[in-house]
Amino acid sequence: AYHTALYTLLDGVIENSTGQSVNQYFTS
C-alpha cells in the first residue's frame, strides 16, 4: 500500500543511523 508517512520516516532512519541530518548526509 502506497503510504507516504512510512517513506518520510526513512529520514529518521538515515539520521539516527548515520548521526547526520538527511541534508548533511546528502551534501557529503
mmCIF file of all heavy atoms, coordinates in Angstrom:
data_MODEL
# 
_entry.id   MODEL 
# 
loop_
_atom_site.group_PDB 
_atom_site.id 
_atom_site.type_symbol 
_atom_site.label_atom_id 
_atom_site.label_alt_id 
_atom_site.label_comp_id 
_atom_site.label_asym_id 
_atom_site.label_entity_id 
_atom_site.label_seq_id 
_atom_site.pdbx_PDB_ins_code 
_atom_site.Cartn_x 
_atom_site.Cartn_y 
_atom_site.Cartn_z 
_atom_site.occupancy 
_atom_site.B_iso_or_equiv 
_atom_site.pdbx_formal_charge 
_atom_site.auth_seq_id 
_atom_site.auth_comp_id 
_atom_site.auth_asym_id 
_atom_site.auth_atom_id 
_atom_site.pdbx_PDB_model_num 
ATOM 1   N N   . ALA A 1 1  ? 0.855  -1.187 0.000  1.00 0.00 ? 1  ALA A N   1 
ATOM 2   C CA  . ALA A 1 1  ? 0.000  0.000  0.000  1.00 0.00 ? 1  ALA A CA  1 
ATOM 3   C C   . ALA A 1 1  ? 0.888  1.233  0.000  1.00 0.00 ? 1  ALA A C   1 
ATOM 4   O O   . ALA A 1 1  ? 1.843  1.333  0.775  1.00 0.00 ? 1  ALA A O   1 
ATOM 5   C CB  . ALA A 1 1  ? -0.920 0.016  1.226  1.00 0.00 ? 1  ALA A CB  1 
ATOM 6   N N   . TYR A 1 2  ? 0.589  2.152  -0.879 1.00 0.00 ? 2  TYR A N   1 
ATOM 7   C CA  . TYR A 1 2  ? 1.368  3.389  -1.031 1.00 0.00 ? 2  TYR A CA  1 
ATOM 8   C C   . TYR A 1 2  ? 1.082  4.297  0.157  1.00 0.00 ? 2  TYR A C   1 
ATOM 9   O O   . TYR A 1 2  ? -0.022 4.813  0.297  1.00 0.00 ? 2  TYR A O   1 
ATOM 10  C CB  . TYR A 1 2  ? 0.971  4.057  -2.337 1.00 0.00 ? 2  TYR A CB  1 
ATOM 11  C CG  . TYR A 1 2  ? 1.857  5.196  -2.771 1.00 0.00 ? 2  TYR A CG  1 
ATOM 12  C CD1 . TYR A 1 2  ? 3.031  4.948  -3.471 1.00 0.00 ? 2  TYR A CD1 1 
ATOM 13  C CD2 . TYR A 1 2  ? 1.496  6.514  -2.517 1.00 0.00 ? 2  TYR A CD2 1 
ATOM 14  C CE1 . TYR A 1 2  ? 3.834  5.995  -3.902 1.00 0.00 ? 2  TYR A CE1 1 
ATOM 15  C CE2 . TYR A 1 2  ? 2.284  7.565  -2.946 1.00 0.00 ? 2  TYR A CE2 1 
ATOM 16  C CZ  . TYR A 1 2  ? 3.452  7.300  -3.638 1.00 0.00 ? 2  TYR A CZ  1 
ATOM 17  O OH  . TYR A 1 2  ? 4.251  8.353  -4.057 1.00 0.00 ? 2  TYR A OH  1 
ATOM 18  N N   . HIS A 1 3  ? 2.078  4.502  1.004  1.00 0.00 ? 3  HIS A N   1 
ATOM 19  C CA  . HIS A 1 3  ? 1.866  5.185  2.279  1.00 0.00 ? 3  HIS A CA  1 
ATOM 20  C C   . HIS A 1 3  ? 3.040  6.121  2.519  1.00 0.00 ? 3  HIS A C   1 
ATOM 21  O O   . HIS A 1 3  ? 4.118  5.700  2.946  1.00 0.00 ? 3  HIS A O   1 
ATOM 22  C CB  . HIS A 1 3  ? 1.756  4.146  3.400  1.00 0.00 ? 3  HIS A CB  1 
ATOM 23  C CG  . HIS A 1 3  ? 1.157  4.690  4.657  1.00 0.00 ? 3  HIS A CG  1 
ATOM 24  N ND1 . HIS A 1 3  ? 0.723  3.879  5.678  1.00 0.00 ? 3  HIS A ND1 1 
ATOM 25  C CD2 . HIS A 1 3  ? 0.914  5.959  5.075  1.00 0.00 ? 3  HIS A CD2 1 
ATOM 26  C CE1 . HIS A 1 3  ? 0.241  4.620  6.657  1.00 0.00 ? 3  HIS A CE1 1 
ATOM 27  N NE2 . HIS A 1 3  ? 0.347  5.885  6.312  1.00 0.00 ? 3  HIS A NE2 1 
ATOM 28  N N   . THR A 1 4  ? 2.835  7.406  2.261  1.00 0.00 ? 4  THR A N   1 
ATOM 29  C CA  . THR A 1 4  ? 3.930  8.378  2.291  1.00 0.00 ? 4  THR A CA  1 
ATOM 30  C C   . THR A 1 4  ? 4.542  8.542  3.673  1.00 0.00 ? 4  THR A C   1 
ATOM 31  O O   . THR A 1 4  ? 5.750  8.773  3.802  1.00 0.00 ? 4  THR A O   1 
ATOM 32  C CB  . THR A 1 4  ? 3.434  9.736  1.753  1.00 0.00 ? 4  THR A CB  1 
ATOM 33  O OG1 . THR A 1 4  ? 3.126  9.587  0.368  1.00 0.00 ? 4  THR A OG1 1 
ATOM 34  C CG2 . THR A 1 4  ? 4.495  10.807 1.906  1.00 0.00 ? 4  THR A CG2 1 
ATOM 35  N N   . ALA A 1 5  ? 3.746  8.428  4.726  1.00 0.00 ? 5  ALA A N   1 
ATOM 36  C CA  . ALA A 1 5  ? 4.277  8.616  6.075  1.00 0.00 ? 5  ALA A CA  1 
ATOM 37  C C   . ALA A 1 5  ? 5.439  7.668  6.360  1.00 0.00 ? 5  ALA A C   1 
ATOM 38  O O   . ALA A 1 5  ? 6.435  8.048  6.985  1.00 0.00 ? 5  ALA A O   1 
ATOM 39  C CB  . ALA A 1 5  ? 3.172  8.416  7.107  1.00 0.00 ? 5  ALA A CB  1 
ATOM 40  N N   . LEU A 1 6  ? 5.332  6.437  5.882  1.00 0.00 ? 6  LEU A N   1 
ATOM 41  C CA  . LEU A 1 6  ? 6.378  5.455  6.152  1.00 0.00 ? 6  LEU A CA  1 
ATOM 42  C C   . LEU A 1 6  ? 7.657  5.767  5.393  1.00 0.00 ? 6  LEU A C   1 
ATOM 43  O O   . LEU A 1 6  ? 8.764  5.501  5.858  1.00 0.00 ? 6  LEU A O   1 
ATOM 44  C CB  . LEU A 1 6  ? 5.890  4.048  5.821  1.00 0.00 ? 6  LEU A CB  1 
ATOM 45  C CG  . LEU A 1 6  ? 4.976  3.392  6.871  1.00 0.00 ? 6  LEU A CG  1 
ATOM 46  C CD1 . LEU A 1 6  ? 5.631  3.381  8.226  1.00 0.00 ? 6  LEU A CD1 1 
ATOM 47  C CD2 . LEU A 1 6  ? 3.611  4.047  6.943  1.00 0.00 ? 6  LEU A CD2 1 
ATOM 48  N N   . TYR A 1 7  ? 7.496  6.347  4.202  1.00 0.00 ? 7  TYR A N   1 
ATOM 49  C CA  . TYR A 1 7  ? 8.665  6.837  3.457  1.00 0.00 ? 7  TYR A CA  1 
ATOM 50  C C   . TYR A 1 7  ? 9.328  7.993  4.201  1.00 0.00 ? 7  TYR A C   1 
ATOM 51  O O   . TYR A 1 7  ? 10.550 8.044  4.371  1.00 0.00 ? 7  TYR A O   1 
ATOM 52  C CB  . TYR A 1 7  ? 8.246  7.264  2.051  1.00 0.00 ? 7  TYR A CB  1 
ATOM 53  C CG  . TYR A 1 7  ? 8.959  8.492  1.539  1.00 0.00 ? 7  TYR A CG  1 
ATOM 54  C CD1 . TYR A 1 7  ? 10.302 8.429  1.164  1.00 0.00 ? 7  TYR A CD1 1 
ATOM 55  C CD2 . TYR A 1 7  ? 8.301  9.725  1.457  1.00 0.00 ? 7  TYR A CD2 1 
ATOM 56  C CE1 . TYR A 1 7  ? 10.966 9.560  0.702  1.00 0.00 ? 7  TYR A CE1 1 
ATOM 57  C CE2 . TYR A 1 7  ? 8.950  10.851 0.997  1.00 0.00 ? 7  TYR A CE2 1 
ATOM 58  C CZ  . TYR A 1 7  ? 10.289 10.770 0.623  1.00 0.00 ? 7  TYR A CZ  1 
ATOM 59  O OH  . TYR A 1 7  ? 10.944 11.892 0.187  1.00 0.00 ? 7  TYR A OH  1 
ATOM 60  N N   . THR A 1 8  ? 8.509  8.945  4.669  1.00 0.00 ? 8  THR A N   1 
ATOM 61  C CA  . THR A 1 8  ? 9.047  10.110 5.372  1.00 0.00 ? 8  THR A CA  1 
ATOM 62  C C   . THR A 1 8  ? 9.877  9.690  6.583  1.00 0.00 ? 8  THR A C   1 
ATOM 63  O O   . THR A 1 8  ? 10.927 10.269 6.874  1.00 0.00 ? 8  THR A O   1 
ATOM 64  C CB  . THR A 1 8  ? 7.911  11.042 5.816  1.00 0.00 ? 8  THR A CB  1 
ATOM 65  O OG1 . THR A 1 8  ? 7.152  11.443 4.672  1.00 0.00 ? 8  THR A OG1 1 
ATOM 66  C CG2 . THR A 1 8  ? 8.453  12.275 6.518  1.00 0.00 ? 8  THR A CG2 1 
ATOM 67  N N   . LEU A 1 9  ? 9.429  8.665  7.274  1.00 0.00 ? 9  LEU A N   1 
ATOM 68  C CA  . LEU A 1 9  ? 10.147 8.200  8.465  1.00 0.00 ? 9  LEU A CA  1 
ATOM 69  C C   . LEU A 1 9  ? 11.496 7.570  8.134  1.00 0.00 ? 9  LEU A C   1 
ATOM 70  O O   . LEU A 1 9  ? 12.310 7.360  9.039  1.00 0.00 ? 9  LEU A O   1 
ATOM 71  C CB  . LEU A 1 9  ? 9.270  7.220  9.236  1.00 0.00 ? 9  LEU A CB  1 
ATOM 72  C CG  . LEU A 1 9  ? 8.092  7.875  9.979  1.00 0.00 ? 9  LEU A CG  1 
ATOM 73  C CD1 . LEU A 1 9  ? 7.105  6.833  10.473 1.00 0.00 ? 9  LEU A CD1 1 
ATOM 74  C CD2 . LEU A 1 9  ? 8.605  8.723  11.143 1.00 0.00 ? 9  LEU A CD2 1 
ATOM 75  N N   . LEU A 1 10 ? 11.762 7.282  6.868  1.00 0.00 ? 10 LEU A N   1 
ATOM 76  C CA  . LEU A 1 10 ? 13.099 6.812  6.498  1.00 0.00 ? 10 LEU A CA  1 
ATOM 77  C C   . LEU A 1 10 ? 14.145 7.893  6.734  1.00 0.00 ? 10 LEU A C   1 
ATOM 78  O O   . LEU A 1 10 ? 15.333 7.583  6.942  1.00 0.00 ? 10 LEU A O   1 
ATOM 79  C CB  . LEU A 1 10 ? 13.129 6.382  5.030  1.00 0.00 ? 10 LEU A CB  1 
ATOM 80  C CG  . LEU A 1 10 ? 12.556 5.001  4.725  1.00 0.00 ? 10 LEU A CG  1 
ATOM 81  C CD1 . LEU A 1 10 ? 12.431 4.798  3.217  1.00 0.00 ? 10 LEU A CD1 1 
ATOM 82  C CD2 . LEU A 1 10 ? 13.422 3.896  5.334  1.00 0.00 ? 10 LEU A CD2 1 
ATOM 83  N N   . ASP A 1 11 ? 13.730 9.167  6.698  1.00 0.00 ? 11 ASP A N   1 
ATOM 84  C CA  . ASP A 1 11 ? 14.676 10.236 7.017  1.00 0.00 ? 11 ASP A CA  1 
ATOM 85  C C   . ASP A 1 11 ? 15.212 10.062 8.437  1.00 0.00 ? 11 ASP A C   1 
ATOM 86  O O   . ASP A 1 11 ? 16.403 10.261 8.699  1.00 0.00 ? 11 ASP A O   1 
ATOM 87  C CB  . ASP A 1 11 ? 13.997 11.599 6.882  1.00 0.00 ? 11 ASP A CB  1 
ATOM 88  C CG  . ASP A 1 11 ? 13.640 11.917 5.441  1.00 0.00 ? 11 ASP A CG  1 
ATOM 89  O OD1 . ASP A 1 11 ? 14.188 11.259 4.548  1.00 0.00 ? 11 ASP A OD1 1 
ATOM 90  O OD2 . ASP A 1 11 ? 12.807 12.812 5.217  1.00 0.00 ? 11 ASP A OD2 1 
ATOM 91  N N   . GLY A 1 12 ? 14.324 9.692  9.366  1.00 0.00 ? 12 GLY A N   1 
ATOM 92  C CA  . GLY A 1 12 ? 14.762 9.436  10.734 1.00 0.00 ? 12 GLY A CA  1 
ATOM 93  C C   . GLY A 1 12 ? 15.678 8.241  10.821 1.00 0.00 ? 12 GLY A C   1 
ATOM 94  O O   . GLY A 1 12 ? 16.634 8.220  11.618 1.00 0.00 ? 12 GLY A O   1 
ATOM 95  N N   . VAL A 1 13 ? 15.413 7.224  10.013 1.00 0.00 ? 13 VAL A N   1 
ATOM 96  C CA  . VAL A 1 13 ? 16.294 6.052  9.973  1.00 0.00 ? 13 VAL A CA  1 
ATOM 97  C C   . VAL A 1 13 ? 17.686 6.456  9.510  1.00 0.00 ? 13 VAL A C   1 
ATOM 98  O O   . VAL A 1 13 ? 18.698 6.054  10.101 1.00 0.00 ? 13 VAL A O   1 
ATOM 99  C CB  . VAL A 1 13 ? 15.700 4.975  9.031  1.00 0.00 ? 13 VAL A CB  1 
ATOM 100 C CG1 . VAL A 1 13 ? 16.698 3.848  8.803  1.00 0.00 ? 13 VAL A CG1 1 
ATOM 101 C CG2 . VAL A 1 13 ? 14.404 4.421  9.608  1.00 0.00 ? 13 VAL A CG2 1 
ATOM 102 N N   . ILE A 1 14 ? 17.758 7.277  8.465  1.00 0.00 ? 14 ILE A N   1 
ATOM 103 C CA  . ILE A 1 14 ? 19.048 7.743  7.950  1.00 0.00 ? 14 ILE A CA  1 
ATOM 104 C C   . ILE A 1 14 ? 19.766 8.582  8.991  1.00 0.00 ? 14 ILE A C   1 
ATOM 105 O O   . ILE A 1 14 ? 20.964 8.391  9.265  1.00 0.00 ? 14 ILE A O   1 
ATOM 106 C CB  . ILE A 1 14 ? 18.850 8.553  6.650  1.00 0.00 ? 14 ILE A CB  1 
ATOM 107 C CG1 . ILE A 1 14 ? 18.345 7.641  5.529  1.00 0.00 ? 14 ILE A CG1 1 
ATOM 108 C CG2 . ILE A 1 14 ? 20.145 9.242  6.228  1.00 0.00 ? 14 ILE A CG2 1 
ATOM 109 C CD1 . ILE A 1 14 ? 17.861 8.386  4.290  1.00 0.00 ? 14 ILE A CD1 1 
ATOM 110 N N   . GLU A 1 15 ? 19.041 9.506  9.580  1.00 0.00 ? 15 GLU A N   1 
ATOM 111 C CA  . GLU A 1 15 ? 19.662 10.422 10.536 1.00 0.00 ? 15 GLU A CA  1 
ATOM 112 C C   . GLU A 1 15 ? 20.150 9.708  11.788 1.00 0.00 ? 15 GLU A C   1 
ATOM 113 O O   . GLU A 1 15 ? 21.270 9.950  12.267 1.00 0.00 ? 15 GLU A O   1 
ATOM 114 C CB  . GLU A 1 15 ? 18.673 11.528 10.891 1.00 0.00 ? 15 GLU A CB  1 
ATOM 115 C CG  . GLU A 1 15 ? 18.390 12.462 9.712  1.00 0.00 ? 15 GLU A CG  1 
ATOM 116 C CD  . GLU A 1 15 ? 17.356 13.519 10.014 1.00 0.00 ? 15 GLU A CD  1 
ATOM 117 O OE1 . GLU A 1 15 ? 16.684 13.408 11.068 1.00 0.00 ? 15 GLU A OE1 1 
ATOM 118 O OE2 . GLU A 1 15 ? 17.205 14.463 9.202  1.00 0.00 ? 15 GLU A OE2 1 
ATOM 119 N N   . ASN A 1 16 ? 19.338 8.802  12.332 1.00 0.00 ? 16 ASN A N   1 
ATOM 120 C CA  . ASN A 1 16 ? 19.714 8.131  13.569 1.00 0.00 ? 16 ASN A CA  1 
ATOM 121 C C   . ASN A 1 16 ? 20.767 7.054  13.354 1.00 0.00 ? 16 ASN A C   1 
ATOM 122 O O   . ASN A 1 16 ? 21.479 6.681  14.298 1.00 0.00 ? 16 ASN A O   1 
ATOM 123 C CB  . ASN A 1 16 ? 18.480 7.538  14.247 1.00 0.00 ? 16 ASN A CB  1 
ATOM 124 C CG  . ASN A 1 16 ? 17.535 8.612  14.749 1.00 0.00 ? 16 ASN A CG  1 
ATOM 125 O OD1 . ASN A 1 16 ? 17.959 9.686  15.153 1.00 0.00 ? 16 ASN A OD1 1 
ATOM 126 N ND2 . ASN A 1 16 ? 16.237 8.343  14.701 1.00 0.00 ? 16 ASN A ND2 1 
ATOM 127 N N   . SER A 1 17 ? 20.880 6.533  12.130 1.00 0.00 ? 17 SER A N   1 
ATOM 128 C CA  . SER A 1 17 ? 21.917 5.532  11.870 1.00 0.00 ? 17 SER A CA  1 
ATOM 129 C C   . SER A 1 17 ? 23.257 6.176  11.528 1.00 0.00 ? 17 SER A C   1 
ATOM 130 O O   . SER A 1 17 ? 24.310 5.676  11.923 1.00 0.00 ? 17 SER A O   1 
ATOM 131 C CB  . SER A 1 17 ? 21.480 4.601  10.733 1.00 0.00 ? 17 SER A CB  1 
ATOM 132 O OG  . SER A 1 17 ? 21.301 5.306  9.527  1.00 0.00 ? 17 SER A OG  1 
ATOM 133 N N   . THR A 1 18 ? 23.225 7.292  10.794 1.00 0.00 ? 18 THR A N   1 
ATOM 134 C CA  . THR A 1 18 ? 24.477 7.933  10.363 1.00 0.00 ? 18 THR A CA  1 
ATOM 135 C C   . THR A 1 18 ? 24.963 8.995  11.333 1.00 0.00 ? 18 THR A C   1 
ATOM 136 O O   . THR A 1 18 ? 26.139 9.376  11.294 1.00 0.00 ? 18 THR A O   1 
ATOM 137 C CB  . THR A 1 18 ? 24.291 8.602  8.988  1.00 0.00 ? 18 THR A CB  1 
ATOM 138 O OG1 . THR A 1 18 ? 23.340 9.670  9.103  1.00 0.00 ? 18 THR A OG1 1 
ATOM 139 C CG2 . THR A 1 18 ? 23.820 7.589  7.954  1.00 0.00 ? 18 THR A CG2 1 
ATOM 140 N N   . GLY A 1 19 ? 24.079 9.510  12.179 1.00 0.00 ? 19 GLY A N   1 
ATOM 141 C CA  . GLY A 1 19 ? 24.456 10.597 13.070 1.00 0.00 ? 19 GLY A CA  1 
ATOM 142 C C   . GLY A 1 19 ? 24.501 11.947 12.372 1.00 0.00 ? 19 GLY A C   1 
ATOM 143 O O   . GLY A 1 19 ? 25.019 12.922 12.915 1.00 0.00 ? 19 GLY A O   1 
ATOM 144 N N   . GLN A 1 20 ? 23.962 12.010 11.132 1.00 0.00 ? 20 GLN A N   1 
ATOM 145 C CA  . GLN A 1 20 ? 23.922 13.252 10.371 1.00 0.00 ? 20 GLN A CA  1 
ATOM 146 C C   . GLN A 1 20 ? 22.476 13.542 9.964  1.00 0.00 ? 20 GLN A C   1 
ATOM 147 O O   . GLN A 1 20 ? 21.682 12.617 9.801  1.00 0.00 ? 20 GLN A O   1 
ATOM 148 C CB  . GLN A 1 20 ? 24.780 13.144 9.108  1.00 0.00 ? 20 GLN A CB  1 
ATOM 149 C CG  . GLN A 1 20 ? 26.233 12.810 9.349  1.00 0.00 ? 20 GLN A CG  1 
ATOM 150 C CD  . GLN A 1 20 ? 26.988 12.640 8.039  1.00 0.00 ? 20 GLN A CD  1 
ATOM 151 O OE1 . GLN A 1 20 ? 26.970 13.518 7.171  1.00 0.00 ? 20 GLN A OE1 1 
ATOM 152 N NE2 . GLN A 1 20 ? 27.665 11.520 7.881  1.00 0.00 ? 20 GLN A NE2 1 
ATOM 153 N N   . SER A 1 21 ? 22.171 14.825 9.781  1.00 0.00 ? 21 SER A N   1 
ATOM 154 C CA  . SER A 1 21 ? 20.855 15.144 9.233  1.00 0.00 ? 21 SER A CA  1 
ATOM 155 C C   . SER A 1 21 ? 20.797 14.641 7.802  1.00 0.00 ? 21 SER A C   1 
ATOM 156 O O   . SER A 1 21 ? 21.825 14.418 7.156  1.00 0.00 ? 21 SER A O   1 
ATOM 157 C CB  . SER A 1 21 ? 20.609 16.653 9.266  1.00 0.00 ? 21 SER A CB  1 
ATOM 158 O OG  . SER A 1 21 ? 21.396 17.304 8.283  1.00 0.00 ? 21 SER A OG  1 
ATOM 159 N N   . VAL A 1 22 ? 19.589 14.483 7.294  1.00 0.00 ? 22 VAL A N   1 
ATOM 160 C CA  . VAL A 1 22 ? 19.455 13.979 5.932  1.00 0.00 ? 22 VAL A CA  1 
ATOM 161 C C   . VAL A 1 22 ? 20.081 14.942 4.931  1.00 0.00 ? 22 VAL A C   1 
ATOM 162 O O   . VAL A 1 22 ? 20.665 14.516 3.924  1.00 0.00 ? 22 VAL A O   1 
ATOM 163 C CB  . VAL A 1 22 ? 17.967 13.697 5.601  1.00 0.00 ? 22 VAL A CB  1 
ATOM 164 C CG1 . VAL A 1 22 ? 17.153 14.979 5.539  1.00 0.00 ? 22 VAL A CG1 1 
ATOM 165 C CG2 . VAL A 1 22 ? 17.829 12.896 4.311  1.00 0.00 ? 22 VAL A CG2 1 
ATOM 166 N N   . ASN A 1 23 ? 20.026 16.249 5.210  1.00 0.00 ? 23 ASN A N   1 
ATOM 167 C CA  . ASN A 1 23 ? 20.669 17.217 4.315  1.00 0.00 ? 23 ASN A CA  1 
ATOM 168 C C   . ASN A 1 23 ? 22.192 17.145 4.400  1.00 0.00 ? 23 ASN A C   1 
ATOM 169 O O   . ASN A 1 23 ? 22.878 17.264 3.379  1.00 0.00 ? 23 ASN A O   1 
ATOM 170 C CB  . ASN A 1 23 ? 20.194 18.640 4.638  1.00 0.00 ? 23 ASN A CB  1 
ATOM 171 C CG  . ASN A 1 23 ? 18.846 18.960 3.997  1.00 0.00 ? 23 ASN A CG  1 
ATOM 172 O OD1 . ASN A 1 23 ? 18.603 18.624 2.848  1.00 0.00 ? 23 ASN A OD1 1 
ATOM 173 N ND2 . ASN A 1 23 ? 17.965 19.590 4.753  1.00 0.00 ? 23 ASN A ND2 1 
ATOM 174 N N   . GLN A 1 24 ? 22.725 16.949 5.591  1.00 0.00 ? 24 GLN A N   1 
ATOM 175 C CA  . GLN A 1 24 ? 24.175 16.802 5.727  1.00 0.00 ? 24 GLN A CA  1 
ATOM 176 C C   . GLN A 1 24 ? 24.668 15.552 5.001  1.00 0.00 ? 24 GLN A C   1 
ATOM 177 O O   . GLN A 1 24 ? 25.691 15.592 4.304  1.00 0.00 ? 24 GLN A O   1 
ATOM 178 C CB  . GLN A 1 24 ? 24.558 16.715 7.213  1.00 0.00 ? 24 GLN A CB  1 
ATOM 179 C CG  . GLN A 1 24 ? 24.410 18.010 7.981  1.00 0.00 ? 24 GLN A CG  1 
ATOM 180 C CD  . GLN A 1 24 ? 24.604 17.824 9.483  1.00 0.00 ? 24 GLN A CD  1 
ATOM 181 O OE1 . GLN A 1 24 ? 24.332 16.749 10.032 1.00 0.00 ? 24 GLN A OE1 1 
ATOM 182 N NE2 . GLN A 1 24 ? 25.067 18.873 10.145 1.00 0.00 ? 24 GLN A NE2 1 
ATOM 183 N N   . TYR A 1 25 ? 23.925 14.474 5.142  1.00 0.00 ? 25 TYR A N   1 
ATOM 184 C CA  . TYR A 1 25 ? 24.338 13.224 4.516  1.00 0.00 ? 25 TYR A CA  1 
ATOM 185 C C   . TYR A 1 25 ? 24.234 13.334 2.996  1.00 0.00 ? 25 TYR A C   1 
ATOM 186 O O   . TYR A 1 25 ? 25.138 12.902 2.265  1.00 0.00 ? 25 TYR A O   1 
ATOM 187 C CB  . TYR A 1 25 ? 23.471 12.074 5.033  1.00 0.00 ? 25 TYR A CB  1 
ATOM 188 C CG  . TYR A 1 25 ? 24.075 10.706 4.787  1.00 0.00 ? 25 TYR A CG  1 
ATOM 189 C CD1 . TYR A 1 25 ? 25.304 10.368 5.338  1.00 0.00 ? 25 TYR A CD1 1 
ATOM 190 C CD2 . TYR A 1 25 ? 23.411 9.774  3.995  1.00 0.00 ? 25 TYR A CD2 1 
ATOM 191 C CE1 . TYR A 1 25 ? 25.870 9.120  5.105  1.00 0.00 ? 25 TYR A CE1 1 
ATOM 192 C CE2 . TYR A 1 25 ? 23.964 8.525  3.760  1.00 0.00 ? 25 TYR A CE2 1 
ATOM 193 C CZ  . TYR A 1 25 ? 25.193 8.202  4.325  1.00 0.00 ? 25 TYR A CZ  1 
ATOM 194 O OH  . TYR A 1 25 ? 25.759 6.972  4.076  1.00 0.00 ? 25 TYR A OH  1 
ATOM 195 N N   . PHE A 1 26 ? 23.168 13.951 2.503  1.00 0.00 ? 26 PHE A N   1 
ATOM 196 C CA  . PHE A 1 26 ? 23.024 14.171 1.063  1.00 0.00 ? 26 PHE A CA  1 
ATOM 197 C C   . PHE A 1 26 ? 24.172 15.021 0.538  1.00 0.00 ? 26 PHE A C   1 
ATOM 198 O O   . PHE A 1 26 ? 24.764 14.714 -0.517 1.00 0.00 ? 26 PHE A O   1 
ATOM 199 C CB  . PHE A 1 26 ? 21.685 14.842 0.770  1.00 0.00 ? 26 PHE A CB  1 
ATOM 200 C CG  . PHE A 1 26 ? 21.645 15.551 -0.549 1.00 0.00 ? 26 PHE A CG  1 
ATOM 201 C CD1 . PHE A 1 26 ? 21.521 14.838 -1.736 1.00 0.00 ? 26 PHE A CD1 1 
ATOM 202 C CD2 . PHE A 1 26 ? 21.754 16.944 -0.605 1.00 0.00 ? 26 PHE A CD2 1 
ATOM 203 C CE1 . PHE A 1 26 ? 21.520 15.499 -2.963 1.00 0.00 ? 26 PHE A CE1 1 
ATOM 204 C CE2 . PHE A 1 26 ? 21.734 17.599 -1.831 1.00 0.00 ? 26 PHE A CE2 1 
ATOM 205 C CZ  . PHE A 1 26 ? 21.623 16.876 -3.007 1.00 0.00 ? 26 PHE A CZ  1 
ATOM 206 N N   . THR A 1 27 ? 24.498 16.094 1.242  1.00 0.00 ? 27 THR A N   1 
ATOM 207 C CA  . THR A 1 27 ? 25.541 17.008 0.776  1.00 0.00 ? 27 THR A CA  1 
ATOM 208 C C   . THR A 1 27 ? 26.898 16.325 0.701  1.00 0.00 ? 27 THR A C   1 
ATOM 209 O O   . THR A 1 27 ? 27.610 16.438 -0.304 1.00 0.00 ? 27 THR A O   1 
ATOM 210 C CB  . THR A 1 27 ? 25.625 18.239 1.691  1.00 0.00 ? 27 THR A CB  1 
ATOM 211 O OG1 . THR A 1 27 ? 24.373 18.938 1.645  1.00 0.00 ? 27 THR A OG1 1 
ATOM 212 C CG2 . THR A 1 27 ? 26.747 19.183 1.259  1.00 0.00 ? 27 THR A CG2 1 
ATOM 213 N N   . SER A 1 28 ? 27.261 15.591 1.742  1.00 0.00 ? 28 SER A N   1 
ATOM 214 C CA  . SER A 1 28 ? 28.595 14.984 1.794  1.00 0.00 ? 28 SER A CA  1 
ATOM 215 C C   . SER A 1 28 ? 28.742 13.793 0.863  1.00 0.00 ? 28 SER A C   1 
ATOM 216 O O   . SER A 1 28 ? 29.831 13.547 0.337  1.00 0.00 ? 28 SER A O   1 
ATOM 217 C CB  . SER A 1 28 ? 28.922 14.557 3.231  1.00 0.00 ? 28 SER A CB  1 
ATOM 218 O OG  . SER A 1 28 ? 28.022 13.547 3.681  1.00 0.00 ? 28 SER A OG  1 
# 
